[in-house]
C-alpha atoms as a PDB file:
ATOM      1  CA  MET A   1      10.378  49.500  35.869  1.00  0.00           C
ATOM      2  CA  ARG A   2      12.611  49.274  32.912  1.00  0.00           C
ATOM      3  CA  SER A   3      12.829  45.337  33.116  1.00  0.00           C
ATOM      4  CA  ASN A   4       8.950  45.243  32.704  1.00  0.00           C
ATOM      5  CA  VAL A   5       9.048  47.052  29.444  1.00  0.00           C
ATOM      6  CA  ILE A   6      11.604  44.891  27.965  1.00  0.00           C
ATOM      7  CA  GLU A   7       9.854  41.737  29.005  1.00  0.00           C
ATOM      8  CA  THR A   8       6.592  43.202  27.481  1.00  0.00           C
ATOM      9  CA  VAL A   9       8.145  44.059  24.261  1.00  0.00           C
ATOM     10  CA  LEU A  10       9.906  40.642  24.151  1.00  0.00           C
ATOM     11  CA  GLY A  11       6.488  38.993  24.627  1.00  0.00           C
ATOM     12  CA  ALA A  12       4.984  41.230  21.942  1.00  0.00           C
ATOM     13  CA  VAL A  13       7.633  39.978  19.541  1.00  0.00           C
ATOM     14  CA  VAL A  14       7.130  36.419  20.286  1.00  0.00           C
ATOM     15  CA  LEU A  15       3.302  36.562  19.864  1.00  0.00           C
ATOM     16  CA  VAL A  16       3.744  38.361  16.479  1.00  0.00           C
ATOM     17  CA  VAL A  17       6.401  35.681  15.165  1.00  0.00           C
ATOM     18  CA  ALA A  18       4.015  32.943  16.362  1.00  0.00           C
ATOM     19  CA  ALA A  19       0.976  34.438  14.604  1.00  0.00           C
ATOM     20  CA  PHE A  20       3.197  34.804  11.342  1.00  0.00           C
ATOM     21  CA  PHE A  21       4.077  31.061  11.721  1.00  0.00           C
ATOM     22  CA  LEU A  22       0.513  30.093  12.193  1.00  0.00           C
ATOM     23  CA  TYR A  23      -0.507  31.931   9.002  1.00  0.00           C
ATOM     24  CA  PHE A  24       2.307  30.671   7.056  1.00  0.00           C
ATOM     25  CA  ALA A  25       1.546  27.152   7.993  1.00  0.00           C
ATOM     26  CA  TYR A  26      -2.272  27.730   7.481  1.00  0.00           C
ATOM     27  CA  THR A  27      -1.482  28.987   3.882  1.00  0.00           C
ATOM     28  CA  THR A  28       0.876  26.427   2.714  1.00  0.00           C
ATOM     29  CA  ALA A  29      -0.650  23.419   4.162  1.00  0.00           C
ATOM     30  CA  ASN A  30      -3.802  24.143   2.103  1.00  0.00           C
ATOM     31  CA  ILE A  31      -6.074  23.257   4.930  1.00  0.00           C
ATOM     32  CA  ARG A  32      -8.688  25.758   3.793  1.00  0.00           C
ATOM     33  CA  ALA A  33     -12.379  24.563   3.517  1.00  0.00           C
ATOM     34  CA  VAL A  34     -13.303  24.263  -0.329  1.00  0.00           C
ATOM     35  CA  SER A  35     -16.590  25.594  -1.321  1.00  0.00           C
ATOM     36  CA  GLY A  36     -18.176  23.954  -4.360  1.00  0.00           C
ATOM     37  CA  TYR A  37     -20.691  21.156  -5.246  1.00  0.00           C
ATOM     38  CA  ALA A  38     -21.318  17.992  -3.238  1.00  0.00           C
ATOM     39  CA  LEU A  39     -20.801  14.557  -4.371  1.00  0.00           C
ATOM     40  CA  GLN A  40     -21.081  11.155  -2.523  1.00  0.00           C
ATOM     41  CA  ALA A  41     -19.006   7.804  -2.667  1.00  0.00           C
ATOM     42  CA  ARG A  42     -19.461   4.681  -0.673  1.00  0.00           C
ATOM     43  CA  PHE A  43     -16.719   2.348   0.587  1.00  0.00           C
ATOM     44  CA  ALA A  44     -16.394  -1.058   2.224  1.00  0.00           C
ATOM     45  CA  SER A  45     -13.745   0.608   4.612  1.00  0.00           C
ATOM     46  CA  THR A  46     -12.738   4.291   4.991  1.00  0.00           C
ATOM     47  CA  GLY A  47      -9.340   3.313   6.879  1.00  0.00           C
ATOM     48  CA  GLY A  48      -9.431   6.384   9.022  1.00  0.00           C
ATOM     49  CA  LEU A  49     -10.742   8.925   6.371  1.00  0.00           C
ATOM     50  CA  THR A  50     -12.523  11.509   8.241  1.00  0.00           C
ATOM     51  CA  ALA A  51     -14.165  14.812   7.745  1.00  0.00           C
ATOM     52  CA  GLY A  52     -11.793  17.604   6.737  1.00  0.00           C
ATOM     53  CA  SER A  53      -9.568  15.257   4.913  1.00  0.00           C
ATOM     54  CA  ASP A  54      -8.311  16.270   1.515  1.00  0.00           C
ATOM     55  CA  VAL A  55      -9.770  15.325  -1.860  1.00  0.00           C
ATOM     56  CA  ARG A  56      -7.120  15.288  -4.815  1.00  0.00           C
ATOM     57  CA  ILE A  57      -6.443  14.784  -8.313  1.00  0.00           C
ATOM     58  CA  SER A  58      -2.934  13.987  -9.096  1.00  0.00           C
ATOM     59  CA  GLY A  59      -1.777  15.067  -5.864  1.00  0.00           C
ATOM     60  CA  VAL A  60      -3.714  18.462  -6.005  1.00  0.00           C
ATOM     61  CA  LYS A  61      -6.455  19.344  -3.484  1.00  0.00           C
ATOM     62  CA  VAL A  62      -9.671  19.893  -5.434  1.00  0.00           C
ATOM     63  CA  GLY A  63     -11.997  19.303  -2.352  1.00  0.00           C
ATOM     64  CA  SER A  64     -12.649  18.293   0.924  1.00  0.00           C
ATOM     65  CA  VAL A  65     -14.330  15.483   2.881  1.00  0.00           C
ATOM     66  CA  THR A  66     -17.401  17.021   4.526  1.00  0.00           C
ATOM     67  CA  LYS A  67     -19.044  14.053   6.199  1.00  0.00           C
ATOM     68  CA  ALA A  68     -18.486  10.338   6.846  1.00  0.00           C
ATOM     69  CA  TYR A  69     -21.085   8.136   8.168  1.00  0.00           C
ATOM     70  CA  LEU A  70     -22.473   4.375   8.151  1.00  0.00           C
ATOM     71  CA  ASP A  71     -25.427   3.542   5.844  1.00  0.00           C
ATOM     72  CA  PRO A  72     -27.428   1.321   8.443  1.00  0.00           C
ATOM     73  CA  LYS A  73     -29.091  -0.583   5.302  1.00  0.00           C
ATOM     74  CA  THR A  74     -25.926  -1.700   3.421  1.00  0.00           C
ATOM     75  CA  TYR A  75     -23.398  -1.327   6.024  1.00  0.00           C
ATOM     76  CA  GLN A  76     -21.079   0.645   3.670  1.00  0.00           C
ATOM     77  CA  ALA A  77     -19.196   3.834   4.858  1.00  0.00           C
ATOM     78  CA  VAL A  78     -20.665   6.818   2.981  1.00  0.00           C
ATOM     79  CA  ILE A  79     -18.345   9.703   2.134  1.00  0.00           C
ATOM     80  CA  GLU A  80     -19.719  13.299   1.333  1.00  0.00           C
ATOM     81  CA  MET A  81     -17.409  15.711  -0.279  1.00  0.00           C
ATOM     82  CA  GLN A  82     -17.194  19.221  -1.760  1.00  0.00           C
ATOM     83  CA  ILE A  83     -15.375  19.717  -4.901  1.00  0.00           C
ATOM     84  CA  ASP A  84     -14.357  22.975  -6.341  1.00  0.00           C
ATOM     85  CA  ASN A  85     -16.724  24.310  -8.814  1.00  0.00           C
ATOM     86  CA  GLN A  86     -13.889  24.977 -11.497  1.00  0.00           C
ATOM     87  CA  VAL A  87     -13.356  21.100 -11.343  1.00  0.00           C
ATOM     88  CA  LYS A  88     -15.656  19.067 -13.574  1.00  0.00           C
ATOM     89  CA  LEU A  89     -15.477  15.284 -13.044  1.00  0.00           C
ATOM     90  CA  PRO A  90     -16.830  12.876 -15.840  1.00  0.00           C
ATOM     91  CA  GLU A  91     -19.474  10.279 -14.786  1.00  0.00           C
ATOM     92  CA  ASP A  92     -16.875   7.362 -14.584  1.00  0.00           C
ATOM     93  CA  THR A  93     -14.419   8.954 -12.138  1.00  0.00           C
ATOM     94  CA  SER A  94     -13.106   6.393  -9.517  1.00  0.00           C
ATOM     95  CA  ALA A  95     -12.258   7.266  -5.914  1.00  0.00           C
ATOM     96  CA  GLY A  96      -9.768   5.536  -3.858  1.00  0.00           C
ATOM     97  CA  ILE A  97      -8.441   6.005  -0.395  1.00  0.00           C
ATOM     98  CA  ALA A  98      -4.803   6.501  -0.069  1.00  0.00           C
ATOM     99  CA  SER A  99      -2.181   7.340   2.513  1.00  0.00           C
ATOM    100  CA  GLU A 100       0.061  10.142   2.521  1.00  0.00           C
ATOM    101  CA  SER A 101       2.781   7.957   4.373  1.00  0.00           C
ATOM    102  CA  LEU A 102       3.358   4.916   6.453  1.00  0.00           C
ATOM    103  CA  LEU A 103       2.485   6.840   9.734  1.00  0.00           C
ATOM    104  CA  GLY A 104      -0.953   7.845   8.606  1.00  0.00           C
ATOM    105  CA  GLY A 105      -2.804  10.867   7.081  1.00  0.00           C
ATOM    106  CA  LYS A 106      -5.460   9.557   4.630  1.00  0.00           C
ATOM    107  CA  PHE A 107      -6.776  11.389   1.731  1.00  0.00           C
ATOM    108  CA  LEU A 108      -9.628  10.738  -1.035  1.00  0.00           C
ATOM    109  CA  ASN A 109      -7.720  10.206  -4.513  1.00  0.00           C
ATOM    110  CA  LEU A 110      -9.928  11.040  -7.690  1.00  0.00           C
ATOM    111  CA  GLN A 111      -9.101   9.346 -10.979  1.00  0.00           C
ATOM    112  CA  PRO A 112     -11.038  11.052 -13.667  1.00  0.00           C
ATOM    113  CA  GLY A 113     -12.517   8.961 -16.479  1.00  0.00           C
ATOM    114  CA  GLY A 114     -13.089   9.501 -20.238  1.00  0.00           C
ATOM    115  CA  GLU A 115     -16.810   9.946 -20.159  1.00  0.00           C
ATOM    116  CA  GLU A 116     -18.244  12.974 -21.821  1.00  0.00           C
ATOM    117  CA  GLU A 117     -21.212  13.434 -19.329  1.00  0.00           C
ATOM    118  CA  MET A 118     -20.096  15.109 -15.941  1.00  0.00           C
ATOM    119  CA  LEU A 119     -21.252  14.345 -12.507  1.00  0.00           C
ATOM    120  CA  LYS A 120     -24.039  16.600 -11.488  1.00  0.00           C
ATOM    121  CA  PRO A 121     -24.157  18.315  -7.998  1.00  0.00           C
ATOM    122  CA  GLY A 122     -25.324  15.544  -5.360  1.00  0.00           C
ATOM    123  CA  GLY A 123     -23.951  12.726  -7.999  1.00  0.00           C
ATOM    124  CA  ARG A 124     -22.476   9.603  -6.726  1.00  0.00           C
ATOM    125  CA  ILE A 125     -18.940   8.310  -7.793  1.00  0.00           C
ATOM    126  CA  GLN A 126     -19.788   4.732  -8.797  1.00  0.00           C
ATOM    127  CA  TYR A 127     -16.251   3.263  -8.910  1.00  0.00           C
ATOM    128  CA  THR A 128     -14.601   3.071  -5.359  1.00  0.00           C
ATOM    129  CA  GLN A 129     -11.744   1.462  -4.118  1.00  0.00           C
ATOM    130  CA  SER A 130     -11.478   0.838  -0.095  1.00  0.00           C
ATOM    131  CA  ALA A 131      -8.324   1.672   1.837  1.00  0.00           C
ATOM    132  CA  VAL A 132      -5.563  -0.836   1.932  1.00  0.00           C
ATOM    133  CA  ASN A 133      -5.052  -2.226   5.624  1.00  0.00           C
ATOM    134  CA  LEU A 134      -1.365  -2.161   6.153  1.00  0.00           C
ATOM    135  CA  GLU A 135      -1.750  -4.145   9.349  1.00  0.00           C
ATOM    136  CA  ASP A 136      -3.525  -7.122   7.483  1.00  0.00           C
ATOM    137  CA  LEU A 137      -0.822  -6.830   4.894  1.00  0.00           C
ATOM    138  CA  LEU A 138       2.047  -7.312   7.341  1.00  0.00           C
ATOM    139  CA  GLY A 139       0.293 -10.032   9.232  1.00  0.00           C
ATOM    140  CA  ARG A 140      -0.383 -12.131   5.756  1.00  0.00           C
ATOM    141  CA  PHE A 141       3.340 -11.333   4.939  1.00  0.00           C
ATOM    142  CA  ILE A 142       4.630 -12.603   8.374  1.00  0.00           C
ATOM    143  CA  PHE A 143       2.507 -15.560   8.360  1.00  0.00           C
ATOM    144  CA  SER A 144       3.346 -16.702   4.740  1.00  0.00           C
ATOM    145  CA  ALA A 145       7.187 -16.154   5.252  1.00  0.00           C
ATOM    146  CA  GLY A 146       6.688 -18.600   8.393  1.00  0.00           C
ATOM    147  CA  GLY A 147       4.772 -21.200   6.390  1.00  0.00           C
ATOM    148  CA  ASN A 148       7.414 -21.166   3.874  1.00  0.00           C
ATOM    149  CA  ASN A 149      10.230 -21.907   6.184  1.00  0.00           C
ATOM    150  CA  ALA A 150       8.129 -24.637   7.658  1.00  0.00           C
ATOM    151  CA  ASN A 151       7.731 -26.337   4.223  1.00  0.00           C
ATOM    152  CA  LYS A 152      11.521 -26.094   3.511  1.00  0.00           C
ATOM    153  CA  GLY A 153      12.152 -28.148   6.775  1.00  0.00           C
ATOM    154  CA  GLY A 154      10.333 -31.155   5.122  1.00  0.00           C
ATOM    155  CA  ASP A 155      13.411 -32.209   3.195  1.00  0.00           C
ATOM    156  CA  GLY A 156      15.360 -32.542   6.502  1.00  0.00           C
ATOM    157  CA  GLN A 157      17.039 -36.049   5.494  1.00  0.00           C
ATOM    158  CA  GLY A 158      18.019 -34.994   2.033  1.00  0.00           C
ATOM    159  CA  GLN A 159      19.768 -31.777   3.436  1.00  0.00           C
ATOM    160  CA  GLN A 160      21.394 -33.540   6.121  1.00  0.00           C
ATOM    161  CA  ASN A 161      23.030 -36.150   3.581  1.00  0.00           C
ATOM    162  CA  GLN A 162      24.522 -33.480   1.459  1.00  0.00           C
ATOM    163  CA  GLY A 163      28.187 -32.968   1.968  1.00  0.00           C
ATOM    164  CA  GLN A 164      28.759 -35.939   3.806  1.00  0.00           C
ATOM    165  CA  PRO A 165      30.601 -39.051   2.465  1.00  0.00           C
ATOM    166  CA  ALA A 166      28.680 -42.200   1.618  1.00  0.00           C
ATOM    167  CA  GLN A 167      28.332 -44.824   4.385  1.00  0.00           C
ATOM    168  CA  PRO A 168      30.278 -48.120   3.739  1.00  0.00           C
ATOM    169  CA  ALA A 169      28.067 -51.155   3.070  1.00  0.00           C
ATOM    170  CA  PRO A 170      27.544 -53.381   6.030  1.00  0.00           C
ATOM    171  CA  GLN A 171      29.937 -56.491   6.027  1.00  0.00           C
ATOM    172  CA  GLY A 172      28.829 -59.432   4.210  1.00  0.00           C
ATOM    173  CA  GLN A 173      27.048 -57.275   1.597  1.00  0.00           C
ATOM    174  CA  GLN A 174      29.012 -56.527  -1.750  1.00  0.00           C
ATOM    175  CA  PRO A 175      28.642 -52.843  -2.753  1.00  0.00           C
ATOM    176  CA  ALA A 176      26.438 -52.552  -5.912  1.00  0.00           C
ATOM    177  CA  GLN A 177      28.621 -52.852  -9.161  1.00  0.00           C
ATOM    178  CA  THR A 178      28.415 -49.878 -11.472  1.00  0.00           C
ATOM    179  CA  GLN A 179      27.693 -50.580 -15.159  1.00  0.00           C
ATOM    180  CA  GLN A 180      30.355 -49.741 -17.552  1.00  0.00           C
ATOM    181  CA  PRO A 181      28.861 -48.338 -20.670  1.00  0.00           C
ATOM    182  CA  LYS A 182      29.001 -50.793 -23.854  1.00  0.00           C
ATOM    183  CA  ALA A 183      31.276 -49.974 -26.580  1.00  0.00           C
ATOM    184  CA  ASP A 184      29.896 -49.204 -29.931  1.00  0.00           C
ATOM    185  CA  PRO A 185      31.116 -52.068 -32.259  1.00  0.00           C
ATOM    186  CA  SER A 186      31.452 -49.578 -35.257  1.00  0.00           C
ATOM    187  CA  LYS A 187      34.393 -47.975 -33.480  1.00  0.00           C
ATOM    188  CA  GLY A 188      36.879 -50.882 -34.159  1.00  0.00           C
ATOM    189  CA  LEU A 189      39.073 -52.931 -31.821  1.00  0.00           C
ATOM    190  CA  LEU A 190      41.478 -50.089 -30.927  1.00  0.00           C
ATOM    191  CA  ASN A 191      38.938 -47.978 -29.666  1.00  0.00           C
ATOM    192  CA  GLY A 192      37.245 -50.770 -27.574  1.00  0.00           C
ATOM    193  CA  GLY A 193      34.715 -51.990 -30.134  1.00  0.00           C
ATOM    194  CA  GLY A 194      35.710 -55.772 -29.460  1.00  0.00           C
ATOM    195  CA  LYS A 195      35.006 -55.550 -25.844  1.00  0.00           C
END
């Protein structure tokens, strides 16, 4: 009977510790939904940005993505977001999709502009930059590196002859004579001027 009480107490302690860690992770990760005003931005490619992703300015979360869908007329990705009411954005604000790391984790990065007019609720961010596709960049780098190596192989004959002694002239032919530089007549006989 006593072992059942100890197991129950240990189970309760484990549950309390797990709840504490969940609360700590929730508060420090800053994953709470942000209430505020709605904005919209359009991109050619979202690169995996989804609803719930962070909206940040200078690395600080100021909002969250609420919806991502495709516009059937323009075939652009439409991103809707909620921005904190305390953050007012100029009309020339730009939006770009950035990665937290090489392994993933996309967020929407905002760069406020210098306009005096502010974006109104329901407004649209005009200046956007789509996500960079790392797979495409790696593919281009690999294929361009392979192409450069192939081009270097074109000088095969010139590179083979480097470091090898000159071939003797075939019999019956005399080697080409090298020309001696002509002496300057103004130097006199002692310096080779008369030759």
